[in-house]
C-alpha atoms as a PDB file:
ATOM      1  CA  MET A   1      -3.207  27.201  18.980  1.00  0.00           C
ATOM      2  CA  SER A   2      -1.618  30.630  19.265  1.00  0.00           C
ATOM      3  CA  THR A   3      -0.839  33.506  17.089  1.00  0.00           C
ATOM      4  CA  GLY A   4       2.180  35.867  18.411  1.00  0.00           C
ATOM      5  CA  GLY A   5       1.653  34.373  21.975  1.00  0.00           C
ATOM      6  CA  THR A   6      -2.117  35.186  22.040  1.00  0.00           C
ATOM      7  CA  LEU A   7      -4.514  32.027  22.339  1.00  0.00           C
ATOM      8  CA  LEU A   8      -7.312  32.119  19.478  1.00  0.00           C
ATOM      9  CA  PRO A   9     -10.737  31.568  21.393  1.00  0.00           C
ATOM     10  CA  PRO A  10     -12.320  28.364  20.861  1.00  0.00           C
ATOM     11  CA  GLY A  11     -14.678  29.391  18.023  1.00  0.00           C
ATOM     12  CA  LEU A  12     -12.212  30.585  15.665  1.00  0.00           C
ATOM     13  CA  GLN A  13     -10.389  27.500  16.463  1.00  0.00           C
ATOM     14  CA  ARG A  14     -13.339  25.527  15.261  1.00  0.00           C
ATOM     15  CA  LEU A  15     -13.669  27.649  12.256  1.00  0.00           C
ATOM     16  CA  LEU A  16     -10.179  27.188  11.093  1.00  0.00           C
ATOM     17  CA  LEU A  17     -10.799  23.534  11.113  1.00  0.00           C
ATOM     18  CA  LEU A  18     -14.141  24.080   8.875  1.00  0.00           C
ATOM     19  CA  PRO A  19     -12.383  23.911   5.527  1.00  0.00           C
ATOM     20  CA  ALA A  20     -10.512  20.493   6.321  1.00  0.00           C
ATOM     21  CA  LEU A  21     -13.615  19.046   7.687  1.00  0.00           C
ATOM     22  CA  LEU A  22     -15.745  19.969   4.677  1.00  0.00           C
ATOM     23  CA  THR A  23     -13.126  18.408   2.282  1.00  0.00           C
ATOM     24  CA  ILE A  24     -13.182  15.222   4.087  1.00  0.00           C
ATOM     25  CA  LEU A  25     -17.128  15.330   4.201  1.00  0.00           C
ATOM     26  CA  LEU A  26     -17.462  16.075   0.481  1.00  0.00           C
ATOM     27  CA  PHE A  27     -14.504  13.897  -0.881  1.00  0.00           C
ATOM     28  CA  LEU A  28     -14.417  10.989   1.474  1.00  0.00           C
ATOM     29  CA  VAL A  29     -17.530  10.376   3.498  1.00  0.00           C
ATOM     30  CA  VAL A  30     -20.101  11.208   0.710  1.00  0.00           C
ATOM     31  CA  PRO A  31     -18.259   8.888  -2.026  1.00  0.00           C
ATOM     32  CA  LEU A  32     -17.980   6.311   0.490  1.00  0.00           C
ATOM     33  CA  GLY A  33     -21.654   6.801   1.499  1.00  0.00           C
ATOM     34  CA  PHE A  34     -22.683   6.140  -2.206  1.00  0.00           C
ATOM     35  CA  VAL A  35     -20.650   3.197  -2.348  1.00  0.00           C
ATOM     36  CA  LEU A  36     -22.036   1.480   0.859  1.00  0.00           C
ATOM     37  CA  VAL A  37     -25.442   2.229  -0.369  1.00  0.00           C
ATOM     38  CA  TYR A  38     -24.643   0.755  -3.776  1.00  0.00           C
ATOM     39  CA  SER A  39     -23.876  -2.418  -2.683  1.00  0.00           C
ATOM     40  CA  PHE A  40     -26.886  -3.124  -1.223  1.00  0.00           C
ATOM     41  CA  LEU A  41     -28.839  -2.371  -4.614  1.00  0.00           C
ATOM     42  CA  THR A  42     -29.499  -4.493  -7.580  1.00  0.00           C
ATOM     43  CA  PRO A  43     -27.527  -4.246 -10.680  1.00  0.00           C
ATOM     44  CA  GLY A  44     -28.816  -2.612 -13.746  1.00  0.00           C
ATOM     45  CA  THR A  45     -28.642  -4.607 -16.899  1.00  0.00           C
ATOM     46  CA  TYR A  46     -26.390  -2.085 -18.761  1.00  0.00           C
ATOM     47  CA  GLY A  47     -24.498  -0.882 -15.762  1.00  0.00           C
ATOM     48  CA  GLY A  48     -25.504   1.542 -13.002  1.00  0.00           C
ATOM     49  CA  VAL A  49     -28.162   0.171 -10.577  1.00  0.00           C
ATOM     50  CA  VAL A  50     -31.537  -0.311  -9.799  1.00  0.00           C
ATOM     51  CA  TRP A  51     -33.191   1.120  -6.655  1.00  0.00           C
ATOM     52  CA  ARG A  52     -34.026  -2.214  -5.041  1.00  0.00           C
ATOM     53  CA  PHE A  53     -32.828  -3.429  -2.017  1.00  0.00           C
ATOM     54  CA  SER A  54     -30.375  -6.620  -2.241  1.00  0.00           C
ATOM     55  CA  THR A  55     -27.639  -8.389  -0.574  1.00  0.00           C
ATOM     56  CA  ASP A  56     -26.757 -10.395  -3.467  1.00  0.00           C
ATOM     57  CA  ALA A  57     -23.509  -8.574  -4.226  1.00  0.00           C
ATOM     58  CA  TYR A  58     -22.230  -9.951  -0.732  1.00  0.00           C
ATOM     59  CA  LEU A  59     -23.564 -13.293  -1.329  1.00  0.00           C
ATOM     60  CA  GLN A  60     -21.580 -13.378  -4.536  1.00  0.00           C
ATOM     61  CA  PHE A  61     -18.456 -12.975  -2.763  1.00  0.00           C
ATOM     62  CA  LEU A  62     -18.468 -16.260  -0.947  1.00  0.00           C
ATOM     63  CA  PHE A  63     -21.251 -18.155  -3.103  1.00  0.00           C
ATOM     64  CA  GLU A  64     -22.062 -18.843  -6.487  1.00  0.00           C
ATOM     65  CA  ARG A  65     -25.822 -19.110  -7.338  1.00  0.00           C
ATOM     66  CA  ASP A  66     -26.910 -21.877  -9.910  1.00  0.00           C
ATOM     67  CA  LEU A  67     -28.813 -20.854 -12.734  1.00  0.00           C
ATOM     68  CA  PHE A  68     -31.534 -23.884 -12.811  1.00  0.00           C
ATOM     69  CA  ASP A  69     -32.152 -24.300  -8.984  1.00  0.00           C
ATOM     70  CA  ASP A  70     -30.984 -20.928  -7.636  1.00  0.00           C
ATOM     71  CA  SER A  71     -28.881 -22.917  -4.995  1.00  0.00           C
ATOM     72  CA  LEU A  72     -26.145 -21.280  -3.382  1.00  0.00           C
ATOM     73  CA  THR A  73     -22.361 -23.302  -3.809  1.00  0.00           C
ATOM     74  CA  PHE A  74     -19.364 -21.912  -2.205  1.00  0.00           C
ATOM     75  CA  ASN A  75     -16.689 -20.184  -4.273  1.00  0.00           C
ATOM     76  CA  PRO A  76     -13.393 -19.085  -2.858  1.00  0.00           C
ATOM     77  CA  ALA A  77     -12.306 -17.550  -6.250  1.00  0.00           C
ATOM     78  CA  TYR A  78     -12.665 -13.994  -4.704  1.00  0.00           C
ATOM     79  CA  LEU A  79     -11.087 -15.157  -1.410  1.00  0.00           C
ATOM     80  CA  GLN A  80      -8.047 -16.065  -3.546  1.00  0.00           C
ATOM     81  CA  ILE A  81      -7.901 -12.742  -5.107  1.00  0.00           C
ATOM     82  CA  TYR A  82      -7.943 -10.797  -1.807  1.00  0.00           C
ATOM     83  CA  ALA A  83      -5.420 -13.673  -0.187  1.00  0.00           C
ATOM     84  CA  ARG A  84      -3.043 -13.033  -3.327  1.00  0.00           C
ATOM     85  CA  SER A  85      -3.649  -9.166  -2.924  1.00  0.00           C
ATOM     86  CA  PHE A  86      -2.566  -9.478   0.650  1.00  0.00           C
ATOM     87  CA  LEU A  87       0.281 -11.555   0.264  1.00  0.00           C
ATOM     88  CA  GLN A  88       2.020  -9.551  -2.690  1.00  0.00           C
ATOM     89  CA  ALA A  89       1.160  -6.021  -0.570  1.00  0.00           C
ATOM     90  CA  ALA A  90       3.055  -8.100   2.473  1.00  0.00           C
ATOM     91  CA  VAL A  91       6.158  -9.094   0.180  1.00  0.00           C
ATOM     92  CA  ALA A  92       6.272  -5.667  -1.212  1.00  0.00           C
ATOM     93  CA  THR A  93       6.285  -4.163   2.378  1.00  0.00           C
ATOM     94  CA  VAL A  94       8.865  -6.507   3.499  1.00  0.00           C
ATOM     95  CA  SER A  95      11.088  -5.777   0.436  1.00  0.00           C
ATOM     96  CA  CYS A  96      10.908  -2.306   0.787  1.00  0.00           C
ATOM     97  CA  LEU A  97      11.478  -2.269   4.646  1.00  0.00           C
ATOM     98  CA  VAL A  98      14.777  -4.772   3.688  1.00  0.00           C
ATOM     99  CA  VAL A  99      15.801  -2.336   1.269  1.00  0.00           C
ATOM    100  CA  GLY A 100      14.441   1.035   2.666  1.00  0.00           C
ATOM    101  CA  LEU A 101      15.653   0.817   6.315  1.00  0.00           C
ATOM    102  CA  PRO A 102      19.663   0.731   5.077  1.00  0.00           C
ATOM    103  CA  THR A 103      19.135   3.445   2.307  1.00  0.00           C
ATOM    104  CA  ALA A 104      17.563   5.544   5.192  1.00  0.00           C
ATOM    105  CA  TYR A 105      20.510   4.855   7.452  1.00  0.00           C
ATOM    106  CA  PHE A 106      23.054   5.918   4.675  1.00  0.00           C
ATOM    107  CA  ILE A 107      21.168   9.228   3.768  1.00  0.00           C
ATOM    108  CA  ALA A 108      20.755   9.869   7.538  1.00  0.00           C
ATOM    109  CA  THR A 109      24.261   9.584   8.405  1.00  0.00           C
ATOM    110  CA  ARG A 110      25.833  11.467   5.668  1.00  0.00           C
ATOM    111  CA  PRO A 111      26.840  15.207   6.325  1.00  0.00           C
ATOM    112  CA  PRO A 112      23.829  17.526   6.367  1.00  0.00           C
ATOM    113  CA  ALA A 113      24.585  19.221   2.847  1.00  0.00           C
ATOM    114  CA  ARG A 114      24.536  15.902   1.498  1.00  0.00           C
ATOM    115  CA  ARG A 115      21.238  14.497   2.695  1.00  0.00           C
ATOM    116  CA  GLN A 116      19.227  16.557   0.399  1.00  0.00           C
ATOM    117  CA  ALA A 117      20.998  15.563  -2.776  1.00  0.00           C
ATOM    118  CA  TRP A 118      20.674  12.067  -1.902  1.00  0.00           C
ATOM    119  CA  LEU A 119      17.111  12.264  -1.002  1.00  0.00           C
ATOM    120  CA  LEU A 120      16.740  14.228  -4.375  1.00  0.00           C
ATOM    121  CA  LEU A 121      18.050  11.413  -5.760  1.00  0.00           C
ATOM    122  CA  VAL A 122      15.400   8.917  -4.326  1.00  0.00           C
ATOM    123  CA  THR A 123      12.659  11.089  -5.127  1.00  0.00           C
ATOM    124  CA  VAL A 124      13.323  12.435  -8.532  1.00  0.00           C
ATOM    125  CA  PRO A 125      12.194   9.476 -10.446  1.00  0.00           C
ATOM    126  CA  TYR A 126       8.948   9.437  -8.877  1.00  0.00           C
ATOM    127  CA  TRP A 127       8.254  12.915 -10.450  1.00  0.00           C
ATOM    128  CA  VAL A 128       6.990  11.006 -13.414  1.00  0.00           C
ATOM    129  CA  ASN A 129       3.489   9.737 -13.858  1.00  0.00           C
ATOM    130  CA  LEU A 130       3.310   6.196 -12.174  1.00  0.00           C
ATOM    131  CA  LEU A 131       1.827   4.780 -15.304  1.00  0.00           C
ATOM    132  CA  ILE A 132       4.833   5.773 -17.637  1.00  0.00           C
ATOM    133  CA  ARG A 133       7.326   4.340 -15.080  1.00  0.00           C
ATOM    134  CA  THR A 134       5.107   0.945 -14.786  1.00  0.00           C
ATOM    135  CA  VAL A 135       5.004   0.713 -18.915  1.00  0.00           C
ATOM    136  CA  SER A 136       9.125   1.764 -18.554  1.00  0.00           C
ATOM    137  CA  MET A 137       9.823  -0.984 -16.081  1.00  0.00           C
ATOM    138  CA  LEU A 138       7.520  -3.537 -18.583  1.00  0.00           C
ATOM    139  CA  PHE A 139       9.755  -2.642 -21.589  1.00  0.00           C
ATOM    140  CA  LEU A 140      12.924  -3.524 -19.284  1.00  0.00           C
ATOM    141  CA  ILE A 141      11.744  -6.862 -18.167  1.00  0.00           C
ATOM    142  CA  ARG A 142      10.076  -8.347 -21.080  1.00  0.00           C
ATOM    143  CA  ASP A 143      11.355 -11.020 -23.022  1.00  0.00           C
ATOM    144  CA  GLU A 144      13.138  -8.799 -25.724  1.00  0.00           C
ATOM    145  CA  GLY A 145      14.019  -6.197 -22.908  1.00  0.00           C
ATOM    146  CA  PRO A 146      17.532  -5.052 -22.109  1.00  0.00           C
ATOM    147  CA  ILE A 147      17.677  -7.104 -18.990  1.00  0.00           C
ATOM    148  CA  ASN A 148      17.202 -10.491 -20.945  1.00  0.00           C
ATOM    149  CA  ALA A 149      19.182  -9.046 -23.698  1.00  0.00           C
ATOM    150  CA  ALA A 150      22.376  -8.445 -21.045  1.00  0.00           C
ATOM    151  CA  LEU A 151      21.794 -12.103 -19.738  1.00  0.00           C
ATOM    152  CA  LEU A 152      21.838 -13.834 -23.064  1.00  0.00           C
ATOM    153  CA  ALA A 153      24.863 -11.642 -24.136  1.00  0.00           C
ATOM    154  CA  LEU A 154      26.893 -12.843 -21.035  1.00  0.00           C
ATOM    155  CA  GLY A 155      25.869 -16.134 -21.395  1.00  0.00           C
ATOM    156  CA  VAL A 156      24.240 -16.565 -18.065  1.00  0.00           C
ATOM    157  CA  VAL A 157      20.881 -17.926 -19.390  1.00  0.00           C
ATOM    158  CA  ASP A 158      20.310 -19.593 -22.793  1.00  0.00           C
ATOM    159  CA  ARG A 159      16.786 -18.248 -23.371  1.00  0.00           C
ATOM    160  CA  PRO A 160      14.785 -15.332 -21.970  1.00  0.00           C
ATOM    161  CA  LEU A 161      13.780 -15.456 -18.308  1.00  0.00           C
ATOM    162  CA  ARG A 162       9.886 -15.269 -18.306  1.00  0.00           C
ATOM    163  CA  ILE A 163       9.820 -11.931 -15.953  1.00  0.00           C
ATOM    164  CA  ALA A 164       6.761 -10.055 -17.553  1.00  0.00           C
ATOM    165  CA  TYR A 165       3.349 -10.902 -16.841  1.00  0.00           C
ATOM    166  CA  THR A 166       4.044 -13.010 -13.519  1.00  0.00           C
ATOM    167  CA  ASP A 167       3.376 -12.566  -9.937  1.00  0.00           C
ATOM    168  CA  PHE A 168       7.094 -11.459  -9.333  1.00  0.00           C
ATOM    169  CA  ALA A 169       6.576  -8.994 -11.955  1.00  0.00           C
ATOM    170  CA  ILE A 170       3.639  -7.470 -10.195  1.00  0.00           C
ATOM    171  CA  GLY A 171       5.867  -7.755  -6.920  1.00  0.00           C
ATOM    172  CA  LEU A 172       8.691  -5.822  -8.565  1.00  0.00           C
ATOM    173  CA  GLY A 173       6.154  -3.158  -9.636  1.00  0.00           C
ATOM    174  CA  LEU A 174       4.604  -2.762  -6.492  1.00  0.00           C
ATOM    175  CA  PHE A 175       8.365  -2.419  -4.911  1.00  0.00           C
ATOM    176  CA  TYR A 176       9.446   0.155  -7.105  1.00  0.00           C
ATOM    177  CA  SER A 177       6.082   2.225  -6.814  1.00  0.00           C
ATOM    178  CA  TYR A 178       6.107   2.415  -3.121  1.00  0.00           C
ATOM    179  CA  LEU A 179       9.665   2.443  -1.961  1.00  0.00           C
ATOM    180  CA  PRO A 180       9.792   5.922  -1.593  1.00  0.00           C
ATOM    181  CA  PHE A 181       7.220   5.792   1.045  1.00  0.00           C
ATOM    182  CA  MET A 182       9.388   3.650   3.096  1.00  0.00           C
ATOM    183  CA  VAL A 183      12.357   5.374   2.728  1.00  0.00           C
ATOM    184  CA  LEU A 184      10.915   8.882   3.713  1.00  0.00           C
ATOM    185  CA  PRO A 185       9.654   8.046   6.859  1.00  0.00           C
ATOM    186  CA  LEU A 186      12.264   5.990   8.078  1.00  0.00           C
ATOM    187  CA  TYR A 187      14.692   8.584   7.058  1.00  0.00           C
ATOM    188  CA  ALA A 188      12.687  11.214   9.417  1.00  0.00           C
ATOM    189  CA  ALA A 189      13.142   8.854  12.399  1.00  0.00           C
ATOM    190  CA  ILE A 190      16.729   8.224  11.876  1.00  0.00           C
ATOM    191  CA  GLU A 191      17.402  11.478  11.394  1.00  0.00           C
ATOM    192  CA  ARG A 192      16.352  12.396  15.016  1.00  0.00           C
ATOM    193  CA  PHE A 193      18.226   9.544  16.383  1.00  0.00           C
ATOM    194  CA  ASP A 194      20.729  10.392  19.143  1.00  0.00           C
ATOM    195  CA  PHE A 195      24.092   8.499  17.697  1.00  0.00           C
ATOM    196  CA  ARG A 196      25.633   9.161  21.020  1.00  0.00           C
ATOM    197  CA  LEU A 197      23.217   5.991  22.282  1.00  0.00           C
ATOM    198  CA  VAL A 198      25.616   3.793  19.785  1.00  0.00           C
ATOM    199  CA  ASP A 199      28.856   5.127  20.895  1.00  0.00           C
ATOM    200  CA  ALA A 200      27.461   4.402  24.356  1.00  0.00           C
ATOM    201  CA  ALA A 201      26.474   0.988  23.485  1.00  0.00           C
ATOM    202  CA  TYR A 202      29.815   0.132  21.798  1.00  0.00           C
ATOM    203  CA  ASP A 203      31.579   1.339  25.158  1.00  0.00           C
ATOM    204  CA  LEU A 204      29.773  -1.596  26.892  1.00  0.00           C
ATOM    205  CA  TYR A 205      31.096  -3.921  24.538  1.00  0.00           C
ATOM    206  CA  ALA A 206      27.688  -4.552  22.460  1.00  0.00           C
ATOM    207  CA  ASP A 207      28.122  -5.910  19.303  1.00  0.00           C
ATOM    208  CA  ARG A 208      26.404  -4.626  15.717  1.00  0.00           C
ATOM    209  CA  TRP A 209      23.492  -7.020  15.841  1.00  0.00           C
ATOM    210  CA  THR A 210      22.527  -6.141  19.637  1.00  0.00           C
ATOM    211  CA  ILE A 211      22.844  -2.160  19.163  1.00  0.00           C
ATOM    212  CA  LEU A 212      20.859  -2.630  15.929  1.00  0.00           C
ATOM    213  CA  ARG A 213      17.977  -4.875  17.818  1.00  0.00           C
ATOM    214  CA  LYS A 214      18.218  -3.249  21.241  1.00  0.00           C
ATOM    215  CA  VAL A 215      19.038   0.464  20.524  1.00  0.00           C
ATOM    216  CA  ILE A 216      18.261   1.552  17.159  1.00  0.00           C
ATOM    217  CA  LEU A 217      15.172  -0.248  16.252  1.00  0.00           C
ATOM    218  CA  PRO A 218      13.312   0.500  19.039  1.00  0.00           C
ATOM    219  CA  VAL A 219      13.965   4.169  18.903  1.00  0.00           C
ATOM    220  CA  VAL A 220      13.092   4.276  14.922  1.00  0.00           C
ATOM    221  CA  ARG A 221      10.075   1.896  15.555  1.00  0.00           C
ATOM    222  CA  PRO A 222       7.483   4.779  14.785  1.00  0.00           C
ATOM    223  CA  GLY A 223       9.210   5.455  11.309  1.00  0.00           C
ATOM    224  CA  ILE A 224       8.938   2.044  10.499  1.00  0.00           C
ATOM    225  CA  VAL A 225       5.263   1.302  11.424  1.00  0.00           C
ATOM    226  CA  ALA A 226       4.529   4.451   9.226  1.00  0.00           C
ATOM    227  CA  GLY A 227       6.708   3.593   6.693  1.00  0.00           C
ATOM    228  CA  CYS A 228       5.225  -0.289   6.506  1.00  0.00           C
ATOM    229  CA  LEU A 229       1.487   1.091   6.478  1.00  0.00           C
ATOM    230  CA  LEU A 230       1.918   3.561   3.813  1.00  0.00           C
ATOM    231  CA  VAL A 231       3.272   0.786   1.701  1.00  0.00           C
ATOM    232  CA  PHE A 232       0.909  -1.964   2.629  1.00  0.00           C
ATOM    233  CA  ILE A 233      -2.115   0.105   2.616  1.00  0.00           C
ATOM    234  CA  PRO A 234      -1.722   1.292  -1.271  1.00  0.00           C
ATOM    235  CA  SER A 235      -0.275  -1.843  -2.479  1.00  0.00           C
ATOM    236  CA  ILE A 236      -3.650  -4.062  -1.636  1.00  0.00           C
ATOM    237  CA  GLY A 237      -5.556  -1.844  -3.841  1.00  0.00           C
ATOM    238  CA  ALA A 238      -2.966  -1.286  -6.661  1.00  0.00           C
ATOM    239  CA  PHE A 239      -4.411  -1.372 -10.180  1.00  0.00           C
ATOM    240  CA  ILE A 240      -1.799  -0.270 -12.567  1.00  0.00           C
ATOM    241  CA  ALA A 241       1.053  -3.002 -11.659  1.00  0.00           C
ATOM    242  CA  PRO A 242      -1.128  -6.151 -11.592  1.00  0.00           C
ATOM    243  CA  ASP A 243      -2.746  -4.855 -14.726  1.00  0.00           C
ATOM    244  CA  LEU A 244       0.251  -3.663 -16.606  1.00  0.00           C
ATOM    245  CA  LEU A 245       2.892  -5.829 -15.557  1.00  0.00           C
ATOM    246  CA  GLY A 246       0.987  -8.996 -14.593  1.00  0.00           C
ATOM    247  CA  GLY A 247      -1.129  -9.057 -17.772  1.00  0.00           C
ATOM    248  CA  GLY A 248      -4.482  -8.873 -16.185  1.00  0.00           C
ATOM    249  CA  ARG A 249      -3.956 -12.762 -15.567  1.00  0.00           C
ATOM    250  CA  ASN A 250      -3.276 -12.853 -11.804  1.00  0.00           C
ATOM    251  CA  LEU A 251      -6.340 -10.577 -10.616  1.00  0.00           C
ATOM    252  CA  MET A 252      -5.692  -8.328  -7.417  1.00  0.00           C
ATOM    253  CA  ILE A 253      -8.623  -6.417  -5.590  1.00  0.00           C
ATOM    254  CA  GLY A 254      -7.939  -3.553  -7.606  1.00  0.00           C
ATOM    255  CA  ASN A 255      -8.341  -5.401 -10.834  1.00  0.00           C
ATOM    256  CA  LEU A 256     -11.303  -7.037  -9.613  1.00  0.00           C
ATOM    257  CA  ILE A 257     -13.319  -3.820  -8.562  1.00  0.00           C
ATOM    258  CA  ALA A 258     -12.405  -1.873 -11.672  1.00  0.00           C
ATOM    259  CA  LEU A 259     -13.709  -4.990 -13.672  1.00  0.00           C
ATOM    260  CA  GLN A 260     -17.126  -4.635 -12.276  1.00  0.00           C
ATOM    261  CA  PHE A 261     -17.499  -1.288 -13.025  1.00  0.00           C
ATOM    262  CA  GLN A 262     -16.456  -1.548 -16.515  1.00  0.00           C
ATOM    263  CA  SER A 263     -16.902  -4.584 -18.485  1.00  0.00           C
ATOM    264  CA  SER A 264     -18.719  -6.439 -16.143  1.00  0.00           C
ATOM    265  CA  ARG A 265     -21.288  -3.599 -15.268  1.00  0.00           C
ATOM    266  CA  ASN A 266     -21.803  -4.920 -11.978  1.00  0.00           C
ATOM    267  CA  TRP A 267     -21.680  -2.123  -9.889  1.00  0.00           C
ATOM    268  CA  PRO A 268     -23.200  -3.417  -6.326  1.00  0.00           C
ATOM    269  CA  PHE A 269     -20.711  -6.187  -6.215  1.00  0.00           C
ATOM    270  CA  GLY A 270     -17.851  -3.950  -7.496  1.00  0.00           C
ATOM    271  CA  SER A 271     -19.053  -1.740  -4.180  1.00  0.00           C
ATOM    272  CA  ALA A 272     -19.211  -4.569  -2.240  1.00  0.00           C
ATOM    273  CA  ALA A 273     -15.959  -5.583  -2.733  1.00  0.00           C
ATOM    274  CA  ALA A 274     -14.403  -2.231  -1.928  1.00  0.00           C
ATOM    275  CA  ILE A 275     -16.543  -2.122   1.119  1.00  0.00           C
ATOM    276  CA  ILE A 276     -15.376  -5.225   2.059  1.00  0.00           C
ATOM    277  CA  LEU A 277     -11.539  -4.428   1.645  1.00  0.00           C
ATOM    278  CA  LEU A 278     -12.030  -0.909   3.491  1.00  0.00           C
ATOM    279  CA  THR A 279     -13.715  -3.265   6.445  1.00  0.00           C
ATOM    280  CA  ILE A 280     -10.712  -5.450   6.491  1.00  0.00           C
ATOM    281  CA  VAL A 281      -7.954  -2.827   6.521  1.00  0.00           C
ATOM    282  CA  LEU A 282     -10.227  -0.653   9.204  1.00  0.00           C
ATOM    283  CA  LEU A 283     -10.280  -3.658  11.488  1.00  0.00           C
ATOM    284  CA  ALA A 284      -6.605  -4.633  10.870  1.00  0.00           C
ATOM    285  CA  LEU A 285      -5.641  -1.201  11.618  1.00  0.00           C
ATOM    286  CA  LEU A 286      -7.600  -1.004  15.073  1.00  0.00           C
ATOM    287  CA  LEU A 287      -6.599  -4.112  16.186  1.00  0.00           C
ATOM    288  CA  PHE A 288      -2.938  -2.962  15.511  1.00  0.00           C
ATOM    289  CA  ALA A 289      -3.334   0.310  17.220  1.00  0.00           C
ATOM    290  CA  ARG A 290      -5.003  -1.728  20.378  1.00  0.00           C
ATOM    291  CA  GLN A 291      -1.955  -3.737  20.449  1.00  0.00           C
ATOM    292  CA  GLN A 292       0.584  -0.762  20.191  1.00  0.00           C
ATOM    293  CA  ARG A 293      -1.600   0.986  23.057  1.00  0.00           C
ATOM    294  CA  ARG A 294      -1.087  -2.205  25.523  1.00  0.00           C
ATOM    295  CA  LEU A 295       2.500  -2.414  24.684  1.00  0.00           C
ATOM    296  CA  GLY A 296       2.599   1.163  25.751  1.00  0.00           C
ATOM    297  CA  GLU A 297       0.931   1.105  28.816  1.00  0.00           C
ATOM    298  CA  ALA A 298       2.990  -2.231  29.535  1.00  0.00           C
ATOM    299  CA  ARG A 299       6.079  -0.225  29.454  1.00  0.00           C
ATOM    300  CA  GLY A 300       4.861   2.583  31.315  1.00  0.00           C
END
């Protein structure tokens, strides 16, 4: 790090990092530490915790305890919620990639004077609060909404389509909520792409599919990876879209955790569910990073 060409002493460099480290410590490490501790405690009668060590919260994730003989029976209900959440997040990620890649390519290939206007059109809807946007989408897709009204008026359907309060509505909400998180990293990657490589590929008689697969995608791959991570990770723990668009019928992980801290008042299990999710995501990211490092070493 340098200022005016002068290298800062190491002590001053560490001092400049101190605000960021304190922020991470106070607002990330400490709260996660409390969540981890709470997951190994006993739930209180009316919420909160009793400071008595227990692993029942983690046992509850996989097993159901009999009220009479205290035996444990395997219960896949929570595993199904996690599986549904990961599936919804994966579908939302793929949908955002399919729409976001051509959108980012289109914006990046416009004249420089027009790119900012197109980016503004992508980001302006997201200046509005997420809750308001989700409620607005619910009005659009409900049985009496304008989408069904238009389809009925055109004679496409003879009864309103059941869109709201379905898995499809949840996926649509996730797609709409996180699409810019895919477009912006892809745009940043494509904007730096040297399009003379495309011209050279055409000169070598490559078709469009070959150019996309062998020339463009390998170069913009970091943007694809960043966009997929930015969409997939928040989609797993999404709360508003499943709660409003899904009607609370098909729980996702975010709704499950919220219920434990609200109506169920089982703070240890809510904490355990959050820790399990965090562990799964971190392990997946570590495996992905290791795979990418191996691929980089193989190419090198």
